[in-house]
Amino acid sequence: MYASPDETLAALERVGYFTDRKTATTVYLAGKLHRPIMLEGPAGAGKTELATSVSRAYRVPILRLQCYQGINEEKAIGQYDKSLQELYVLLMSKSDRTPDWAKIKREITSRAYYVAGPLLEAIEQEQRCVLLIDEIDKVDYAFEAQAFKRACTCFGLGRYFYNFAEMWVELNDYKQPLRVPSLPAWAMPRSQASENGSSATAVSDRQARSSSGPSKGPLDADVTATIERHRQKLGHLLYQSILSTVAHVRSARDIPNQQTQQNVLQWMESGARGMAQVREIAAEIPEDTFYSILDRHGVQSLAKVQSFGVLKKLVEEMTEVYPRASAA
């Protein structure tokens, strides 16, 4: 640890990372307060380089967890080496003595047979280290749920949560809370803990009324499949943005009814037409012109268009550059 933001800035410059005092202060405070730093920006902005530079400046190891869609907790936390376990069991079972299966079980489930992932490896470090979790926005709900479950199991958090049964609330068909729970007094600021519960109840009821969604109904499986096929055409970000904006869901299978299905499909088809138009223009204009337009709208590639609004702006600007596309 360096004693001040100025020393941190000088250390970063010594390892070849030239930045401003604001960034150096953020790095200094994060290390001092044991807090993470979240970086957001396009490819090439220097996010990963900052992490590696901090590790060099502080002379500590760097561990990296590369996130992607479909990553599971075994990649992040770790898993048992099954082949090594099987080999040990095979050798022990072929020995002259009668196998002590209880001892074998204890042995093969010990830490010696567990291959740590980046998260566990970082926890086990005897000294400070830099843990780089790259592209964390790519993970889905399944990974978050499994990682949380593993944390509850490993660290005993499950007992803590089950002691607060009143915190679990029922959901409506739109997967929104029928009643917004209130925090226990010990978890609230003192200024709010002394207030009576009448105002909290009124707020909860008002929030519950405002959270009511469209009625749930049967879905058309063919339409669901058609919507899901648009993910590849639109890219993950735009696909999820349309689902969230139009239907307030994360998956096409969670769309509440057929009417909403049709609305989502219309948006998807409109987005696919816009993407096709952008690709057509991109093939006709100079490459540097195309990428300069993407840069102006904060888009790294067509697979990473963030929203329908961004796509609309891309179509408008690229049509101005190549007006023949709009005439066609």
Foldseek 3Di string as FASTA:
>chain_A
DDDALVLQQVLLVVLPHHDDSVVSRVVVVCVVVVHDDDDDAFPPPCPVVVLVSSCVSVVAAEAEAEDAEPDAVCQAFWAFPVVVLVVVVVVQVPDPDHRPVVVSVVVSPDPVRIDGHRVNVCVPDPDHYRYHYPPPVRYDPNRVVRVVVVCCVPVVCVVVVVVCVVCDADADLLRHGLFHDDDALVPDPPVPSPDDCPVVRVVRNVVNVVPDDDAADDEDVVLLVVLVVLCVLQAVQASQQLCCVQQVDRGSVSRRYHVSSVVSVVLSVVSSVLSVLLVVLCVVDDVVVSVVLCVVLRHNDSNPQRYPVSSVVSSVVSCVVVVVSVVD
